PDB file of N, CA and C in Angstrom:
ATOM      1  N   MET A   1     -34.249 -11.575  55.420  1.00  0.00           N
ATOM      2  CA  MET A   1     -33.052 -10.877  55.466  1.00  0.00           C
ATOM      3  C   MET A   1     -31.953 -11.736  55.632  1.00  0.00           C
ATOM      4  N   LYS A   2     -30.752 -11.681  54.922  1.00  0.00           N
ATOM      5  CA  LYS A   2     -29.696 -12.381  54.906  1.00  0.00           C
ATOM      6  C   LYS A   2     -28.981 -12.175  56.187  1.00  0.00           C
ATOM      7  N   LYS A   3     -28.298 -13.170  56.995  1.00  0.00           N
ATOM      8  CA  LYS A   3     -27.701 -12.847  58.175  1.00  0.00           C
ATOM      9  C   LYS A   3     -26.336 -12.765  57.911  1.00  0.00           C
ATOM     10  N   ILE A   4     -25.538 -11.863  58.300  1.00  0.00           N
ATOM     11  CA  ILE A   4     -24.291 -11.395  57.952  1.00  0.00           C
ATOM     12  C   ILE A   4     -23.204 -12.263  58.951  1.00  0.00           C
ATOM     13  N   ASN A   5     -22.103 -12.313  58.518  1.00  0.00           N
ATOM     14  CA  ASN A   5     -21.092 -13.115  59.402  1.00  0.00           C
ATOM     15  C   ASN A   5     -20.153 -12.044  59.737  1.00  0.00           C
ATOM     16  N   ILE A   6     -19.707 -11.825  60.956  1.00  0.00           N
ATOM     17  CA  ILE A   6     -18.682 -10.794  61.374  1.00  0.00           C
ATOM     18  C   ILE A   6     -17.583 -11.433  62.255  1.00  0.00           C
ATOM     19  N   LEU A   7     -16.439 -11.314  61.974  1.00  0.00           N
ATOM     20  CA  LEU A   7     -15.261 -11.758  62.798  1.00  0.00           C
ATOM     21  C   LEU A   7     -14.598 -10.652  63.531  1.00  0.00           C
ATOM     22  N   PHE A   8     -14.407 -10.775  64.811  1.00  0.00           N
ATOM     23  CA  PHE A   8     -13.632  -9.621  65.707  1.00  0.00           C
ATOM     24  C   PHE A   8     -12.413 -10.139  65.899  1.00  0.00           C
ATOM     25  N   VAL A   9     -11.247  -9.575  65.611  1.00  0.00           N
ATOM     26  CA  VAL A   9      -9.911 -10.191  65.505  1.00  0.00           C
ATOM     27  C   VAL A   9      -9.030  -9.310  66.418  1.00  0.00           C
ATOM     28  N   CYS A  10      -8.230 -10.018  67.207  1.00  0.00           N
ATOM     29  CA  CYS A  10      -7.043  -9.345  67.827  1.00  0.00           C
ATOM     30  C   CYS A  10      -5.921 -10.424  67.843  1.00  0.00           C
ATOM     31  N   GLY A  11      -4.799 -10.166  68.597  1.00  0.00           N
ATOM     32  CA  GLY A  11      -3.631 -10.904  68.543  1.00  0.00           C
ATOM     33  C   GLY A  11      -3.844 -12.423  69.010  1.00  0.00           C
ATOM     34  N   ALA A  12      -4.582 -12.500  70.062  1.00  0.00           N
ATOM     35  CA  ALA A  12      -4.739 -13.802  70.607  1.00  0.00           C
ATOM     36  C   ALA A  12      -6.133 -14.228  70.565  1.00  0.00           C
ATOM     37  N   GLY A  13      -7.203 -13.521  69.910  1.00  0.00           N
ATOM     38  CA  GLY A  13      -8.531 -13.880  69.877  1.00  0.00           C
ATOM     39  C   GLY A  13      -9.306 -13.901  70.979  1.00  0.00           C
ATOM     40  N   LEU A  14      -8.942 -13.263  72.177  1.00  0.00           N
ATOM     41  CA  LEU A  14      -9.511 -13.354  73.514  1.00  0.00           C
ATOM     42  C   LEU A  14     -10.147 -11.809  73.793  1.00  0.00           C
ATOM     43  N   GLY A  15      -9.243 -11.093  74.541  1.00  0.00           N
ATOM     44  CA  GLY A  15      -9.687 -10.011  75.187  1.00  0.00           C
ATOM     45  C   GLY A  15     -10.209  -8.807  74.307  1.00  0.00           C
ATOM     46  N   SER A  16      -9.492  -8.225  73.716  1.00  0.00           N
ATOM     47  CA  SER A  16      -9.937  -7.147  72.792  1.00  0.00           C
ATOM     48  C   SER A  16     -10.833  -7.325  71.757  1.00  0.00           C
ATOM     49  N   SER A  17     -10.798  -8.521  71.156  1.00  0.00           N
ATOM     50  CA  SER A  17     -11.710  -8.928  70.208  1.00  0.00           C
ATOM     51  C   SER A  17     -13.187  -9.147  70.813  1.00  0.00           C
ATOM     52  N   PHE A  18     -13.137  -9.654  72.018  1.00  0.00           N
ATOM     53  CA  PHE A  18     -14.582  -9.957  72.652  1.00  0.00           C
ATOM     54  C   PHE A  18     -15.100  -8.495  73.109  1.00  0.00           C
ATOM     55  N   ALA A  19     -14.251  -7.686  73.407  1.00  0.00           N
ATOM     56  CA  ALA A  19     -14.652  -6.199  73.849  1.00  0.00           C
ATOM     57  C   ALA A  19     -15.366  -5.509  72.759  1.00  0.00           C
ATOM     58  N   ALA A  20     -14.716  -5.678  71.478  1.00  0.00           N
ATOM     59  CA  ALA A  20     -15.102  -5.159  70.373  1.00  0.00           C
ATOM     60  C   ALA A  20     -16.517  -5.729  69.894  1.00  0.00           C
ATOM     61  N   GLN A  21     -16.630  -7.119  70.090  1.00  0.00           N
ATOM     62  CA  GLN A  21     -17.874  -7.782  69.685  1.00  0.00           C
ATOM     63  C   GLN A  21     -18.936  -7.256  70.640  1.00  0.00           C
ATOM     64  N   MET A  22     -18.696  -7.008  71.811  1.00  0.00           N
ATOM     65  CA  MET A  22     -19.864  -6.547  72.683  1.00  0.00           C
ATOM     66  C   MET A  22     -20.220  -5.136  72.389  1.00  0.00           C
ATOM     67  N   SER A  23     -19.498  -4.407  72.071  1.00  0.00           N
ATOM     68  CA  SER A  23     -19.787  -3.017  71.608  1.00  0.00           C
ATOM     69  C   SER A  23     -20.590  -3.104  70.295  1.00  0.00           C
ATOM     70  N   ALA A  24     -20.101  -3.890  69.405  1.00  0.00           N
ATOM     71  CA  ALA A  24     -20.697  -3.914  68.020  1.00  0.00           C
ATOM     72  C   ALA A  24     -22.148  -4.769  68.097  1.00  0.00           C
ATOM     73  N   GLU A  25     -22.292  -5.563  68.990  1.00  0.00           N
ATOM     74  CA  GLU A  25     -23.645  -6.060  69.277  1.00  0.00           C
ATOM     75  C   GLU A  25     -24.641  -4.981  69.520  1.00  0.00           C
ATOM     76  N   ASP A  26     -24.392  -4.018  70.309  1.00  0.00           N
ATOM     77  CA  ASP A  26     -25.212  -2.980  70.482  1.00  0.00           C
ATOM     78  C   ASP A  26     -25.605  -2.027  69.355  1.00  0.00           C
ATOM     79  N   VAL A  27     -24.474  -1.775  68.542  1.00  0.00           N
ATOM     80  CA  VAL A  27     -24.690  -1.214  67.184  1.00  0.00           C
ATOM     81  C   VAL A  27     -25.609  -1.968  66.335  1.00  0.00           C
ATOM     82  N   LEU A  28     -25.278  -3.209  66.046  1.00  0.00           N
ATOM     83  CA  LEU A  28     -26.101  -4.149  65.286  1.00  0.00           C
ATOM     84  C   LEU A  28     -27.601  -4.000  65.740  1.00  0.00           C
ATOM     85  N   ASN A  29     -27.813  -4.128  67.040  1.00  0.00           N
ATOM     86  CA  ASN A  29     -29.196  -4.260  67.504  1.00  0.00           C
ATOM     87  C   ASN A  29     -29.709  -2.770  67.096  1.00  0.00           C
ATOM     88  N   LYS A  30     -29.277  -1.734  67.422  1.00  0.00           N
ATOM     89  CA  LYS A  30     -29.705  -0.403  67.108  1.00  0.00           C
ATOM     90  C   LYS A  30     -30.053  -0.233  65.488  1.00  0.00           C
ATOM     91  N   LEU A  31     -29.302  -0.925  64.828  1.00  0.00           N
ATOM     92  CA  LEU A  31     -29.459  -0.939  63.261  1.00  0.00           C
ATOM     93  C   LEU A  31     -30.529  -2.044  62.777  1.00  0.00           C
ATOM     94  N   GLY A  32     -30.814  -2.934  63.655  1.00  0.00           N
ATOM     95  CA  GLY A  32     -31.797  -4.012  63.301  1.00  0.00           C
ATOM     96  C   GLY A  32     -31.138  -5.184  62.470  1.00  0.00           C
ATOM     97  N   VAL A  33     -29.873  -5.313  62.739  1.00  0.00           N
ATOM     98  CA  VAL A  33     -29.145  -6.231  61.710  1.00  0.00           C
ATOM     99  C   VAL A  33     -28.899  -7.560  62.654  1.00  0.00           C
ATOM    100  N   GLU A  34     -29.366  -8.529  61.998  1.00  0.00           N
ATOM    101  CA  GLU A  34     -28.993  -9.996  62.671  1.00  0.00           C
ATOM    102  C   GLU A  34     -27.689 -10.498  62.000  1.00  0.00           C
ATOM    103  N   ALA A  35     -26.744 -10.877  63.015  1.00  0.00           N
ATOM    104  CA  ALA A  35     -25.403 -11.311  62.531  1.00  0.00           C
ATOM    105  C   ALA A  35     -24.945 -12.531  63.160  1.00  0.00           C
ATOM    106  N   ASN A  36     -24.294 -13.332  62.837  1.00  0.00           N
ATOM    107  CA  ASN A  36     -23.320 -14.388  63.371  1.00  0.00           C
ATOM    108  C   ASN A  36     -22.030 -13.553  63.727  1.00  0.00           C
ATOM    109  N   LEU A  37     -21.658 -13.696  64.955  1.00  0.00           N
ATOM    110  CA  LEU A  37     -20.423 -13.007  65.539  1.00  0.00           C
ATOM    111  C   LEU A  37     -19.565 -13.967  66.215  1.00  0.00           C
ATOM    112  N   ASP A  38     -18.227 -13.830  65.860  1.00  0.00           N
ATOM    113  CA  ASP A  38     -17.273 -14.619  66.538  1.00  0.00           C
ATOM    114  C   ASP A  38     -15.997 -13.873  66.675  1.00  0.00           C
ATOM    115  N   HIS A  39     -15.201 -14.236  67.659  1.00  0.00           N
ATOM    116  CA  HIS A  39     -13.758 -13.481  67.831  1.00  0.00           C
ATOM    117  C   HIS A  39     -12.720 -14.567  67.770  1.00  0.00           C
ATOM    118  N   VAL A  40     -11.735 -14.228  67.104  1.00  0.00           N
ATOM    119  CA  VAL A  40     -10.556 -15.005  66.838  1.00  0.00           C
ATOM    120  C   VAL A  40      -9.279 -14.127  66.684  1.00  0.00           C
ATOM    121  N   ASP A  41      -8.272 -15.115  66.459  1.00  0.00           N
ATOM    122  CA  ASP A  41      -6.752 -14.482  66.486  1.00  0.00           C
ATOM    123  C   ASP A  41      -6.642 -14.168  64.929  1.00  0.00           C
ATOM    124  N   ILE A  42      -5.580 -13.453  64.591  1.00  0.00           N
ATOM    125  CA  ILE A  42      -5.333 -12.953  63.205  1.00  0.00           C
ATOM    126  C   ILE A  42      -5.179 -14.257  62.412  1.00  0.00           C
ATOM    127  N   SER A  43      -4.389 -15.207  62.694  1.00  0.00           N
ATOM    128  CA  SER A  43      -4.123 -16.181  61.752  1.00  0.00           C
ATOM    129  C   SER A  43      -5.228 -17.050  61.501  1.00  0.00           C
ATOM    130  N   THR A  44      -6.124 -17.301  62.474  1.00  0.00           N
ATOM    131  CA  THR A  44      -7.334 -17.960  62.193  1.00  0.00           C
ATOM    132  C   THR A  44      -8.165 -17.134  61.268  1.00  0.00           C
ATOM    133  N   ALA A  45      -8.331 -15.772  61.369  1.00  0.00           N
ATOM    134  CA  ALA A  45      -9.221 -14.935  60.671  1.00  0.00           C
ATOM    135  C   ALA A  45      -8.766 -15.083  59.367  1.00  0.00           C
ATOM    136  N   ALA A  46      -7.434 -15.152  58.873  1.00  0.00           N
ATOM    137  CA  ALA A  46      -7.072 -15.241  57.650  1.00  0.00           C
ATOM    138  C   ALA A  46      -7.212 -16.415  56.822  1.00  0.00           C
ATOM    139  N   SER A  47      -7.759 -17.419  57.440  1.00  0.00           N
ATOM    140  CA  SER A  47      -8.180 -18.774  56.958  1.00  0.00           C
ATOM    141  C   SER A  47      -9.726 -19.089  57.009  1.00  0.00           C
ATOM    142  N   VAL A  48     -10.388 -18.077  57.474  1.00  0.00           N
ATOM    143  CA  VAL A  48     -11.868 -18.203  57.724  1.00  0.00           C
ATOM    144  C   VAL A  48     -12.582 -17.359  56.619  1.00  0.00           C
ATOM    145  N   LYS A  49     -13.665 -18.068  55.922  1.00  0.00           N
ATOM    146  CA  LYS A  49     -14.514 -17.133  55.117  1.00  0.00           C
ATOM    147  C   LYS A  49     -15.512 -16.449  55.960  1.00  0.00           C
ATOM    148  N   THR A  50     -15.564 -15.055  55.751  1.00  0.00           N
ATOM    149  CA  THR A  50     -16.530 -14.359  56.551  1.00  0.00           C
ATOM    150  C   THR A  50     -16.831 -13.086  55.598  1.00  0.00           C
ATOM    151  N   ASP A  51     -17.968 -12.511  56.096  1.00  0.00           N
ATOM    152  CA  ASP A  51     -18.384 -11.087  55.293  1.00  0.00           C
ATOM    153  C   ASP A  51     -17.475 -10.024  55.728  1.00  0.00           C
ATOM    154  N   ILE A  52     -17.384  -9.815  57.132  1.00  0.00           N
ATOM    155  CA  ILE A  52     -16.611  -8.696  57.522  1.00  0.00           C
ATOM    156  C   ILE A  52     -15.642  -9.010  58.732  1.00  0.00           C
ATOM    157  N   ILE A  53     -14.528  -8.441  58.695  1.00  0.00           N
ATOM    158  CA  ILE A  53     -13.713  -8.519  59.790  1.00  0.00           C
ATOM    159  C   ILE A  53     -13.549  -7.109  60.641  1.00  0.00           C
ATOM    160  N   ILE A  54     -13.666  -7.075  61.699  1.00  0.00           N
ATOM    161  CA  ILE A  54     -13.405  -5.803  62.661  1.00  0.00           C
ATOM    162  C   ILE A  54     -12.167  -6.097  63.411  1.00  0.00           C
ATOM    163  N   THR A  55     -11.387  -5.162  63.271  1.00  0.00           N
ATOM    164  CA  THR A  55     -10.179  -5.249  64.031  1.00  0.00           C
ATOM    165  C   THR A  55      -9.455  -3.804  64.331  1.00  0.00           C
ATOM    166  N   ALA A  56      -8.557  -3.975  65.243  1.00  0.00           N
ATOM    167  CA  ALA A  56      -7.805  -2.620  65.595  1.00  0.00           C
ATOM    168  C   ALA A  56      -6.841  -2.078  64.573  1.00  0.00           C
ATOM    169  N   GLU A  57      -6.752  -1.017  64.515  1.00  0.00           N
ATOM    170  CA  GLU A  57      -6.130  -0.259  63.388  1.00  0.00           C
ATOM    171  C   GLU A  57      -4.608  -0.790  63.329  1.00  0.00           C
ATOM    172  N   ASN A  58      -3.977  -1.043  64.648  1.00  0.00           N
ATOM    173  CA  ASN A  58      -2.641  -1.497  64.679  1.00  0.00           C
ATOM    174  C   ASN A  58      -2.270  -2.900  64.062  1.00  0.00           C
ATOM    175  N   PHE A  59      -3.327  -3.604  63.699  1.00  0.00           N
ATOM    176  CA  PHE A  59      -3.193  -4.805  62.991  1.00  0.00           C
ATOM    177  C   PHE A  59      -3.321  -4.763  61.366  1.00  0.00           C
ATOM    178  N   ARG A  60      -3.452  -3.488  61.023  1.00  0.00           N
ATOM    179  CA  ARG A  60      -3.601  -3.440  59.547  1.00  0.00           C
ATOM    180  C   ARG A  60      -2.369  -3.994  58.769  1.00  0.00           C
ATOM    181  N   SER A  61      -1.150  -3.800  59.177  1.00  0.00           N
ATOM    182  CA  SER A  61       0.102  -4.108  58.579  1.00  0.00           C
ATOM    183  C   SER A  61       0.068  -5.814  58.431  1.00  0.00           C
ATOM    184  N   GLN A  62      -0.319  -6.464  59.559  1.00  0.00           N
ATOM    185  CA  GLN A  62      -0.343  -7.842  59.631  1.00  0.00           C
ATOM    186  C   GLN A  62      -1.567  -8.446  58.572  1.00  0.00           C
ATOM    187  N   PHE A  63      -2.711  -7.796  58.475  1.00  0.00           N
ATOM    188  CA  PHE A  63      -3.747  -8.127  57.634  1.00  0.00           C
ATOM    189  C   PHE A  63      -3.221  -8.006  56.155  1.00  0.00           C
ATOM    190  N   GLU A  64      -2.612  -6.963  55.825  1.00  0.00           N
ATOM    191  CA  GLU A  64      -2.093  -6.767  54.467  1.00  0.00           C
ATOM    192  C   GLU A  64      -1.063  -7.878  53.966  1.00  0.00           C
ATOM    193  N   LYS A  65      -0.662  -8.736  54.890  1.00  0.00           N
ATOM    194  CA  LYS A  65       0.209  -9.864  54.531  1.00  0.00           C
ATOM    195  C   LYS A  65      -0.523 -10.993  53.977  1.00  0.00           C
ATOM    196  N   TYR A  66      -1.849 -11.055  54.212  1.00  0.00           N
ATOM    197  CA  TYR A  66      -2.735 -12.257  54.003  1.00  0.00           C
ATOM    198  C   TYR A  66      -3.444 -11.989  52.841  1.00  0.00           C
ATOM    199  N   SER A  67      -3.848 -13.007  52.032  1.00  0.00           N
ATOM    200  CA  SER A  67      -4.757 -12.864  50.870  1.00  0.00           C
ATOM    201  C   SER A  67      -6.076 -13.258  51.385  1.00  0.00           C
ATOM    202  N   LEU A  68      -6.985 -12.446  51.614  1.00  0.00           N
ATOM    203  CA  LEU A  68      -8.358 -12.696  52.191  1.00  0.00           C
ATOM    204  C   LEU A  68      -9.322 -12.924  51.032  1.00  0.00           C
ATOM    205  N   ASP A  69     -10.552 -13.545  51.197  1.00  0.00           N
ATOM    206  CA  ASP A  69     -11.603 -13.782  50.218  1.00  0.00           C
ATOM    207  C   ASP A  69     -11.834 -12.254  49.684  1.00  0.00           C
ATOM    208  N   SER A  70     -12.087 -12.013  48.378  1.00  0.00           N
ATOM    209  CA  SER A  70     -12.564 -10.899  47.882  1.00  0.00           C
ATOM    210  C   SER A  70     -13.777 -10.208  48.556  1.00  0.00           C
ATOM    211  N   GLY A  71     -14.660 -11.102  48.838  1.00  0.00           N
ATOM    212  CA  GLY A  71     -15.923 -10.524  49.363  1.00  0.00           C
ATOM    213  C   GLY A  71     -15.864 -10.213  50.984  1.00  0.00           C
ATOM    214  N   THR A  72     -14.660 -10.378  51.363  1.00  0.00           N
ATOM    215  CA  THR A  72     -14.385  -9.970  52.984  1.00  0.00           C
ATOM    216  C   THR A  72     -14.174  -8.444  52.868  1.00  0.00           C
ATOM    217  N   SER A  73     -14.989  -7.763  53.803  1.00  0.00           N
ATOM    218  CA  SER A  73     -14.513  -6.404  54.077  1.00  0.00           C
ATOM    219  C   SER A  73     -13.748  -6.315  55.548  1.00  0.00           C
ATOM    220  N   ILE A  74     -12.766  -5.323  55.429  1.00  0.00           N
ATOM    221  CA  ILE A  74     -12.127  -5.145  56.910  1.00  0.00           C
ATOM    222  C   ILE A  74     -12.331  -3.893  57.357  1.00  0.00           C
ATOM    223  N   ILE A  75     -12.785  -3.792  58.639  1.00  0.00           N
ATOM    224  CA  ILE A  75     -13.066  -2.363  59.280  1.00  0.00           C
ATOM    225  C   ILE A  75     -11.925  -2.383  60.315  1.00  0.00           C
ATOM    226  N   TYR A  76     -11.061  -1.180  60.280  1.00  0.00           N
ATOM    227  CA  TYR A  76     -10.102  -1.054  61.231  1.00  0.00           C
ATOM    228  C   TYR A  76     -10.493   0.195  62.211  1.00  0.00           C
ATOM    229  N   LEU A  77     -10.425  -0.192  63.408  1.00  0.00           N
ATOM    230  CA  LEU A  77     -10.789   0.913  64.531  1.00  0.00           C
ATOM    231  C   LEU A  77      -9.611   1.283  65.156  1.00  0.00           C
ATOM    232  N   LYS A  78      -9.723   2.711  65.575  1.00  0.00           N
ATOM    233  CA  LYS A  78      -8.786   3.238  66.428  1.00  0.00           C
ATOM    234  C   LYS A  78      -9.105   3.079  67.807  1.00  0.00           C
ATOM    235  N   ASN A  79     -10.484   2.943  68.040  1.00  0.00           N
ATOM    236  CA  ASN A  79     -10.965   2.636  69.539  1.00  0.00           C
ATOM    237  C   ASN A  79     -11.870   1.396  69.425  1.00  0.00           C
ATOM    238  N   ILE A  80     -11.636   0.327  69.656  1.00  0.00           N
ATOM    239  CA  ILE A  80     -12.268  -0.938  69.393  1.00  0.00           C
ATOM    240  C   ILE A  80     -13.488  -1.102  70.254  1.00  0.00           C
ATOM    241  N   VAL A  81     -13.720  -0.241  71.238  1.00  0.00           N
ATOM    242  CA  VAL A  81     -14.921  -0.341  72.108  1.00  0.00           C
ATOM    243  C   VAL A  81     -16.043   0.925  71.852  1.00  0.00           C
ATOM    244  N   SER A  82     -15.636   1.922  70.988  1.00  0.00           N
ATOM    245  CA  SER A  82     -16.130   2.934  70.565  1.00  0.00           C
ATOM    246  C   SER A  82     -17.413   2.601  69.662  1.00  0.00           C
ATOM    247  N   LYS A  83     -18.560   2.603  70.343  1.00  0.00           N
ATOM    248  CA  LYS A  83     -19.981   2.454  69.598  1.00  0.00           C
ATOM    249  C   LYS A  83     -20.091   3.319  68.503  1.00  0.00           C
ATOM    250  N   VAL A  84     -19.772   4.596  68.615  1.00  0.00           N
ATOM    251  CA  VAL A  84     -19.758   5.683  67.654  1.00  0.00           C
ATOM    252  C   VAL A  84     -18.874   5.247  66.409  1.00  0.00           C
ATOM    253  N   GLU A  85     -17.716   4.910  66.763  1.00  0.00           N
ATOM    254  CA  GLU A  85     -16.709   4.732  65.706  1.00  0.00           C
ATOM    255  C   GLU A  85     -17.122   3.307  64.942  1.00  0.00           C
ATOM    256  N   ILE A  86     -17.580   2.396  65.568  1.00  0.00           N
ATOM    257  CA  ILE A  86     -18.082   1.135  65.121  1.00  0.00           C
ATOM    258  C   ILE A  86     -19.348   1.432  64.017  1.00  0.00           C
ATOM    259  N   GLU A  87     -20.404   2.123  64.562  1.00  0.00           N
ATOM    260  CA  GLU A  87     -21.429   2.425  63.825  1.00  0.00           C
ATOM    261  C   GLU A  87     -21.019   3.341  62.539  1.00  0.00           C
ATOM    262  N   GLU A  88     -20.170   4.330  62.670  1.00  0.00           N
ATOM    263  CA  GLU A  88     -19.646   5.051  61.608  1.00  0.00           C
ATOM    264  C   GLU A  88     -19.043   4.348  60.554  1.00  0.00           C
ATOM    265  N   LYS A  89     -18.300   3.382  60.962  1.00  0.00           N
ATOM    266  CA  LYS A  89     -17.517   2.657  59.821  1.00  0.00           C
ATOM    267  C   LYS A  89     -18.280   1.173  59.339  1.00  0.00           C
ATOM    268  N   LEU A  90     -19.201   0.733  60.342  1.00  0.00           N
ATOM    269  CA  LEU A  90     -19.847  -0.583  59.921  1.00  0.00           C
ATOM    270  C   LEU A  90     -21.042  -0.087  58.977  1.00  0.00           C
ATOM    271  N   THR A  91     -21.851   0.955  59.171  1.00  0.00           N
ATOM    272  CA  THR A  91     -23.058   1.267  58.553  1.00  0.00           C
ATOM    273  C   THR A  91     -22.808   1.177  57.018  1.00  0.00           C
ATOM    274  N   PRO A  92     -21.732   1.904  56.556  1.00  0.00           N
ATOM    275  CA  PRO A  92     -21.647   1.948  54.889  1.00  0.00           C
ATOM    276  C   PRO A  92     -21.125   0.587  54.348  1.00  0.00           C
ATOM    277  N   VAL A  93     -20.480  -0.215  55.129  1.00  0.00           N
ATOM    278  CA  VAL A  93     -20.093  -1.601  54.752  1.00  0.00           C
ATOM    279  C   VAL A  93     -21.469  -2.417  54.750  1.00  0.00           C
ATOM    280  N   LEU A  94     -22.295  -2.342  55.778  1.00  0.00           N
ATOM    281  CA  LEU A  94     -23.572  -3.076  55.651  1.00  0.00           C
ATOM    282  C   LEU A  94     -24.449  -2.602  54.648  1.00  0.00           C
ATOM    283  N   GLN A  95     -24.446  -1.199  54.155  1.00  0.00           N
ATOM    284  CA  GLN A  95     -25.097  -0.853  53.053  1.00  0.00           C
ATOM    285  C   GLN A  95     -24.637  -1.392  51.850  1.00  0.00           C
ATOM    286  N   GLU A  96     -23.369  -1.378  51.683  1.00  0.00           N
ATOM    287  CA  GLU A  96     -22.612  -1.781  50.469  1.00  0.00           C
ATOM    288  C   GLU A  96     -23.198  -3.245  50.071  1.00  0.00           C
ATOM    289  N   LYS A  97     -23.149  -3.945  51.291  1.00  0.00           N
ATOM    290  CA  LYS A  97     -23.527  -5.466  51.100  1.00  0.00           C
ATOM    291  C   LYS A  97     -25.058  -5.743  50.983  1.00  0.00           C
ATOM    292  N   GLY A  98     -25.841  -4.588  51.188  1.00  0.00           N
ATOM    293  CA  GLY A  98     -27.261  -4.867  50.951  1.00  0.00           C
ATOM    294  C   GLY A  98     -27.915  -5.439  52.174  1.00  0.00           C
ATOM    295  N   ILE A  99     -27.299  -5.275  53.339  1.00  0.00           N
ATOM    296  CA  ILE A  99     -27.949  -5.678  54.595  1.00  0.00           C
ATOM    297  C   ILE A  99     -28.910  -4.674  55.240  1.00  0.00           C
ATOM    298  N   ILE A 100     -28.604  -3.349  55.015  1.00  0.00           N
ATOM    299  CA  ILE A 100     -29.273  -2.329  55.415  1.00  0.00           C
ATOM    300  C   ILE A 100     -29.652  -1.228  54.482  1.00  0.00           C
TER     301      ILE A 100
END
């Protein structure tokens, strides 16, 4: 099975991105998905090649300014620690990428 790379992004690359990462770890474990996880700030995320970016909805306009790799999917969350929302939005992306 291919290991997927997921970046969790917030303004400074510290607090909220790490909180989202911790919630997503539980979802990924439930789905049986192995992933490389990291958390970074927005400008770093724009220059890193990754499979999926997970970030808060309020960063959408900032991400629209960047030209990301065409293979990168961005998931915007209203509640970055909601396991229900993460699973709901992450599952179809993982299916599309052939991970599950």
